[in-house]
Amino acid sequence: MKELGLGLLIIGLISLALPLINPNVQYVFLKWINNWGPAVAWGIRGGVTLLGLALWLGFKNRD
């Protein structure tokens, strides 16, 4: 679960950063999120990032 959390955290951070770096480019793997509008898209990106952070921190010390 720790690896899944870290993966979701990294994917979430990348999806949060890419539209801010170059807003004129439509990224293929983020295009489905933008179909629901900007507010929902940012909510999904933030939710994935927070879920990844919670999983990573929750299972960080377990082996």
PDB file of N, CA and C in Angstrom:
ATOM      1  N   MET A   1       0.822  -1.199   0.000  1.00  0.00           N
ATOM      2  CA  MET A   1       0.000   0.000   0.000  1.00  0.00           C
ATOM      3  C   MET A   1       0.864   1.260   0.000  1.00  0.00           C
ATOM      4  N   LYS A   2       2.043   1.143   0.618  1.00  0.00           N
ATOM      5  CA  LYS A   2       2.936   2.290   0.651  1.00  0.00           C
ATOM      6  C   LYS A   2       3.353   2.687  -0.767  1.00  0.00           C
ATOM      7  N   GLU A   3       3.624   1.683  -1.615  1.00  0.00           N
ATOM      8  CA  GLU A   3       4.033   1.960  -2.993  1.00  0.00           C
ATOM      9  C   GLU A   3       2.884   2.541  -3.804  1.00  0.00           C
ATOM     10  N   LEU A   4       1.677   2.031  -3.587  1.00  0.00           N
ATOM     11  CA  LEU A   4       0.508   2.577  -4.263  1.00  0.00           C
ATOM     12  C   LEU A   4       0.294   4.035  -3.863  1.00  0.00           C
ATOM     13  N   GLY A   5       0.429   4.327  -2.584  1.00  0.00           N
ATOM     14  CA  GLY A   5       0.285   5.699  -2.106  1.00  0.00           C
ATOM     15  C   GLY A   5       1.329   6.621  -2.700  1.00  0.00           C
ATOM     16  N   LEU A   6       2.560   6.141  -2.777  1.00  0.00           N
ATOM     17  CA  LEU A   6       3.622   6.961  -3.359  1.00  0.00           C
ATOM     18  C   LEU A   6       3.374   7.191  -4.843  1.00  0.00           C
ATOM     19  N   GLY A   7       2.903   6.172  -5.544  1.00  0.00           N
ATOM     20  CA  GLY A   7       2.585   6.330  -6.961  1.00  0.00           C
ATOM     21  C   GLY A   7       1.463   7.326  -7.188  1.00  0.00           C
ATOM     22  N   LEU A   8       0.394   7.218  -6.397  1.00  0.00           N
ATOM     23  CA  LEU A   8      -0.715   8.176  -6.520  1.00  0.00           C
ATOM     24  C   LEU A   8      -0.266   9.588  -6.177  1.00  0.00           C
ATOM     25  N   LEU A   9       0.586   9.712  -5.175  1.00  0.00           N
ATOM     26  CA  LEU A   9       1.094  11.032  -4.784  1.00  0.00           C
ATOM     27  C   LEU A   9       1.902  11.653  -5.917  1.00  0.00           C
ATOM     28  N   ILE A  10       2.766  10.881  -6.533  1.00  0.00           N
ATOM     29  CA  ILE A  10       3.587  11.408  -7.630  1.00  0.00           C
ATOM     30  C   ILE A  10       2.718  11.762  -8.836  1.00  0.00           C
ATOM     31  N   ILE A  11       1.780  10.879  -9.181  1.00  0.00           N
ATOM     32  CA  ILE A  11       0.882  11.166 -10.304  1.00  0.00           C
ATOM     33  C   ILE A  11       0.045  12.410 -10.015  1.00  0.00           C
ATOM     34  N   GLY A  12      -0.444  12.536  -8.781  1.00  0.00           N
ATOM     35  CA  GLY A  12      -1.231  13.705  -8.414  1.00  0.00           C
ATOM     36  C   GLY A  12      -0.430  14.992  -8.482  1.00  0.00           C
ATOM     37  N   LEU A  13       0.804  14.953  -8.002  1.00  0.00           N
ATOM     38  CA  LEU A  13       1.637  16.160  -8.048  1.00  0.00           C
ATOM     39  C   LEU A  13       1.973  16.552  -9.484  1.00  0.00           C
ATOM     40  N   ILE A  14       2.234  15.556 -10.329  1.00  0.00           N
ATOM     41  CA  ILE A  14       2.504  15.856 -11.741  1.00  0.00           C
ATOM     42  C   ILE A  14       1.263  16.449 -12.407  1.00  0.00           C
ATOM     43  N   SER A  15       0.092  15.865 -12.116  1.00  0.00           N
ATOM     44  CA  SER A  15      -1.131  16.380 -12.738  1.00  0.00           C
ATOM     45  C   SER A  15      -1.494  17.771 -12.216  1.00  0.00           C
ATOM     46  N   LEU A  16      -1.068  18.097 -11.005  1.00  0.00           N
ATOM     47  CA  LEU A  16      -1.280  19.452 -10.491  1.00  0.00           C
ATOM     48  C   LEU A  16      -0.314  20.451 -11.124  1.00  0.00           C
ATOM     49  N   ALA A  17       0.914  20.024 -11.386  1.00  0.00           N
ATOM     50  CA  ALA A  17       1.941  20.949 -11.868  1.00  0.00           C
ATOM     51  C   ALA A  17       1.868  21.208 -13.370  1.00  0.00           C
ATOM     52  N   LEU A  18       1.519  20.199 -14.161  1.00  0.00           N
ATOM     53  CA  LEU A  18       1.555  20.362 -15.619  1.00  0.00           C
ATOM     54  C   LEU A  18       0.668  21.491 -16.142  1.00  0.00           C
ATOM     55  N   PRO A  19      -0.592  21.618 -15.705  1.00  0.00           N
ATOM     56  CA  PRO A  19      -1.397  22.733 -16.229  1.00  0.00           C
ATOM     57  C   PRO A  19      -0.891  24.109 -15.792  1.00  0.00           C
ATOM     58  N   LEU A  20      -0.164  24.168 -14.694  1.00  0.00           N
ATOM     59  CA  LEU A  20       0.375  25.444 -14.242  1.00  0.00           C
ATOM     60  C   LEU A  20       1.646  25.821 -14.991  1.00  0.00           C
ATOM     61  N   ILE A  21       2.416  24.818 -15.417  1.00  0.00           N
ATOM     62  CA  ILE A  21       3.651  25.086 -16.146  1.00  0.00           C
ATOM     63  C   ILE A  21       3.359  25.596 -17.549  1.00  0.00           C
ATOM     64  N   ASN A  22       2.471  24.898 -18.258  1.00  0.00           N
ATOM     65  CA  ASN A  22       2.125  25.290 -19.626  1.00  0.00           C
ATOM     66  C   ASN A  22       0.627  25.101 -19.831  1.00  0.00           C
ATOM     67  N   PRO A  23      -0.186  26.113 -19.555  1.00  0.00           N
ATOM     68  CA  PRO A  23      -1.648  25.950 -19.621  1.00  0.00           C
ATOM     69  C   PRO A  23      -2.204  25.813 -21.038  1.00  0.00           C
ATOM     70  N   ASN A  24      -1.425  26.119 -22.068  1.00  0.00           N
ATOM     71  CA  ASN A  24      -1.928  26.058 -23.438  1.00  0.00           C
ATOM     72  C   ASN A  24      -1.852  24.661 -24.052  1.00  0.00           C
ATOM     73  N   VAL A  25      -1.171  23.739 -23.394  1.00  0.00           N
ATOM     74  CA  VAL A  25      -1.000  22.389 -23.928  1.00  0.00           C
ATOM     75  C   VAL A  25      -2.065  21.479 -23.331  1.00  0.00           C
ATOM     76  N   GLN A  26      -2.723  20.682 -24.179  1.00  0.00           N
ATOM     77  CA  GLN A  26      -3.684  19.681 -23.719  1.00  0.00           C
ATOM     78  C   GLN A  26      -2.979  18.332 -23.627  1.00  0.00           C
ATOM     79  N   TYR A  27      -2.795  17.844 -22.417  1.00  0.00           N
ATOM     80  CA  TYR A  27      -2.136  16.566 -22.213  1.00  0.00           C
ATOM     81  C   TYR A  27      -3.149  15.444 -22.364  1.00  0.00           C
ATOM     82  N   VAL A  28      -2.767  14.399 -23.086  1.00  0.00           N
ATOM     83  CA  VAL A  28      -3.684  13.318 -23.433  1.00  0.00           C
ATOM     84  C   VAL A  28      -4.196  12.618 -22.187  1.00  0.00           C
ATOM     85  N   PHE A  29      -3.320  12.333 -21.227  1.00  0.00           N
ATOM     86  CA  PHE A  29      -3.731  11.581 -20.046  1.00  0.00           C
ATOM     87  C   PHE A  29      -4.490  12.423 -19.028  1.00  0.00           C
ATOM     88  N   LEU A  30      -4.554  13.727 -19.239  1.00  0.00           N
ATOM     89  CA  LEU A  30      -5.346  14.586 -18.356  1.00  0.00           C
ATOM     90  C   LEU A  30      -6.611  15.104 -19.036  1.00  0.00           C
ATOM     91  N   LYS A  31      -6.784  14.785 -20.299  1.00  0.00           N
ATOM     92  CA  LYS A  31      -7.914  15.324 -21.056  1.00  0.00           C
ATOM     93  C   LYS A  31      -9.256  14.836 -20.520  1.00  0.00           C
ATOM     94  N   TRP A  32      -9.336  13.581 -20.041  1.00  0.00           N
ATOM     95  CA  TRP A  32     -10.604  13.054 -19.538  1.00  0.00           C
ATOM     96  C   TRP A  32     -11.041  13.779 -18.269  1.00  0.00           C
ATOM     97  N   ILE A  33     -10.105  14.288 -17.483  1.00  0.00           N
ATOM     98  CA  ILE A  33     -10.456  15.026 -16.268  1.00  0.00           C
ATOM     99  C   ILE A  33     -11.092  16.364 -16.634  1.00  0.00           C
ATOM    100  N   ASN A  34     -10.583  16.998 -17.665  1.00  0.00           N
ATOM    101  CA  ASN A  34     -11.062  18.325 -18.056  1.00  0.00           C
ATOM    102  C   ASN A  34     -12.455  18.310 -18.665  1.00  0.00           C
ATOM    103  N   ASN A  35     -12.983  17.128 -19.000  1.00  0.00           N
ATOM    104  CA  ASN A  35     -14.327  17.052 -19.576  1.00  0.00           C
ATOM    105  C   ASN A  35     -15.406  17.500 -18.599  1.00  0.00           C
ATOM    106  N   TRP A  36     -15.152  17.413 -17.303  1.00  0.00           N
ATOM    107  CA  TRP A  36     -16.151  17.769 -16.294  1.00  0.00           C
ATOM    108  C   TRP A  36     -16.054  19.219 -15.830  1.00  0.00           C
ATOM    109  N   GLY A  37     -15.156  19.965 -16.396  1.00  0.00           N
ATOM    110  CA  GLY A  37     -15.012  21.363 -16.027  1.00  0.00           C
ATOM    111  C   GLY A  37     -13.806  21.576 -15.129  1.00  0.00           C
ATOM    112  N   PRO A  38     -13.389  22.824 -15.001  1.00  0.00           N
ATOM    113  CA  PRO A  38     -12.160  23.105 -14.258  1.00  0.00           C
ATOM    114  C   PRO A  38     -12.256  22.835 -12.759  1.00  0.00           C
ATOM    115  N   ALA A  39     -13.384  23.120 -12.147  1.00  0.00           N
ATOM    116  CA  ALA A  39     -13.495  22.914 -10.695  1.00  0.00           C
ATOM    117  C   ALA A  39     -13.433  21.431 -10.333  1.00  0.00           C
ATOM    118  N   VAL A  40     -14.146  20.620 -11.076  1.00  0.00           N
ATOM    119  CA  VAL A  40     -14.135  19.181 -10.815  1.00  0.00           C
ATOM    120  C   VAL A  40     -12.767  18.600 -11.151  1.00  0.00           C
ATOM    121  N   ALA A  41     -12.126  19.095 -12.209  1.00  0.00           N
ATOM    122  CA  ALA A  41     -10.800  18.601 -12.593  1.00  0.00           C
ATOM    123  C   ALA A  41      -9.783  18.869 -11.485  1.00  0.00           C
ATOM    124  N   TRP A  42      -9.804  20.072 -10.921  1.00  0.00           N
ATOM    125  CA  TRP A  42      -8.876  20.372  -9.826  1.00  0.00           C
ATOM    126  C   TRP A  42      -9.230  19.565  -8.574  1.00  0.00           C
ATOM    127  N   GLY A  43     -10.507  19.289  -8.375  1.00  0.00           N
ATOM    128  CA  GLY A  43     -10.914  18.456  -7.247  1.00  0.00           C
ATOM    129  C   GLY A  43     -10.412  17.027  -7.384  1.00  0.00           C
ATOM    130  N   ILE A  44     -10.498  16.474  -8.586  1.00  0.00           N
ATOM    131  CA  ILE A  44      -9.989  15.120  -8.821  1.00  0.00           C
ATOM    132  C   ILE A  44      -8.477  15.075  -8.628  1.00  0.00           C
ATOM    133  N   ARG A  45      -7.791  16.054  -9.174  1.00  0.00           N
ATOM    134  CA  ARG A  45      -6.325  16.098  -9.025  1.00  0.00           C
ATOM    135  C   ARG A  45      -5.928  16.230  -7.562  1.00  0.00           C
ATOM    136  N   GLY A  46      -6.596  17.103  -6.849  1.00  0.00           N
ATOM    137  CA  GLY A  46      -6.298  17.266  -5.427  1.00  0.00           C
ATOM    138  C   GLY A  46      -6.664  16.038  -4.619  1.00  0.00           C
ATOM    139  N   GLY A  47      -7.782  15.398  -4.979  1.00  0.00           N
ATOM    140  CA  GLY A  47      -8.202  14.192  -4.274  1.00  0.00           C
ATOM    141  C   GLY A  47      -7.229  13.045  -4.466  1.00  0.00           C
ATOM    142  N   VAL A  48      -6.738  12.862  -5.684  1.00  0.00           N
ATOM    143  CA  VAL A  48      -5.755  11.812  -5.943  1.00  0.00           C
ATOM    144  C   VAL A  48      -4.473  12.094  -5.168  1.00  0.00           C
ATOM    145  N   THR A  49      -4.064  13.347  -5.144  1.00  0.00           N
ATOM    146  CA  THR A  49      -2.856  13.716  -4.414  1.00  0.00           C
ATOM    147  C   THR A  49      -3.024  13.477  -2.920  1.00  0.00           C
ATOM    148  N   LEU A  50      -4.153  13.881  -2.354  1.00  0.00           N
ATOM    149  CA  LEU A  50      -4.384  13.676  -0.920  1.00  0.00           C
ATOM    150  C   LEU A  50      -4.543  12.207  -0.568  1.00  0.00           C
ATOM    151  N   LEU A  51      -5.200  11.442  -1.421  1.00  0.00           N
ATOM    152  CA  LEU A  51      -5.328  10.005  -1.184  1.00  0.00           C
ATOM    153  C   LEU A  51      -3.959   9.335  -1.201  1.00  0.00           C
ATOM    154  N   GLY A  52      -3.130   9.690  -2.151  1.00  0.00           N
ATOM    155  CA  GLY A  52      -1.772   9.153  -2.208  1.00  0.00           C
ATOM    156  C   GLY A  52      -0.961   9.524  -0.995  1.00  0.00           C
ATOM    157  N   LEU A  53      -1.078  10.760  -0.553  1.00  0.00           N
ATOM    158  CA  LEU A  53      -0.357  11.203   0.646  1.00  0.00           C
ATOM    159  C   LEU A  53      -0.835  10.459   1.878  1.00  0.00           C
ATOM    160  N   ALA A  54      -2.139  10.274   2.004  1.00  0.00           N
ATOM    161  CA  ALA A  54      -2.690   9.569   3.163  1.00  0.00           C
ATOM    162  C   ALA A  54      -2.246   8.108   3.178  1.00  0.00           C
ATOM    163  N   LEU A  55      -2.279   7.454   2.021  1.00  0.00           N
ATOM    164  CA  LEU A  55      -1.834   6.063   1.962  1.00  0.00           C
ATOM    165  C   LEU A  55      -0.345   5.942   2.260  1.00  0.00           C
ATOM    166  N   TRP A  56       0.442   6.841   1.711  1.00  0.00           N
ATOM    167  CA  TRP A  56       1.878   6.784   1.917  1.00  0.00           C
ATOM    168  C   TRP A  56       2.238   7.029   3.379  1.00  0.00           C
ATOM    169  N   LEU A  57       1.612   8.025   3.982  1.00  0.00           N
ATOM    170  CA  LEU A  57       1.895   8.302   5.394  1.00  0.00           C
ATOM    171  C   LEU A  57       1.316   7.237   6.314  1.00  0.00           C
ATOM    172  N   GLY A  58       0.164   6.686   5.955  1.00  0.00           N
ATOM    173  CA  GLY A  58      -0.469   5.676   6.792  1.00  0.00           C
ATOM    174  C   GLY A  58       0.292   4.376   6.843  1.00  0.00           C
ATOM    175  N   PHE A  59       0.940   4.013   5.747  1.00  0.00           N
ATOM    176  CA  PHE A  59       1.661   2.744   5.687  1.00  0.00           C
ATOM    177  C   PHE A  59       3.168   2.943   5.602  1.00  0.00           C
ATOM    178  N   LYS A  60       3.635   4.127   5.967  1.00  0.00           N
ATOM    179  CA  LYS A  60       5.048   4.474   5.833  1.00  0.00           C
ATOM    180  C   LYS A  60       5.945   3.608   6.720  1.00  0.00           C
ATOM    181  N   ASN A  61       5.544   3.375   7.945  1.00  0.00           N
ATOM    182  CA  ASN A  61       6.398   2.666   8.895  1.00  0.00           C
ATOM    183  C   ASN A  61       6.108   1.170   8.957  1.00  0.00           C
ATOM    184  N   ARG A  62       5.192   0.667   8.141  1.00  0.00           N
ATOM    185  CA  ARG A  62       4.872  -0.751   8.134  1.00  0.00           C
ATOM    186  C   ARG A  62       5.640  -1.460   7.027  1.00  0.00           C
ATOM    187  N   ASP A  63       6.162  -2.608   7.342  1.00  0.00           N
ATOM    188  CA  ASP A  63       6.875  -3.388   6.316  1.00  0.00           C
ATOM    189  C   ASP A  63       6.230  -4.691   6.062  1.00  0.00           C
TER     190      ASP A  63
END
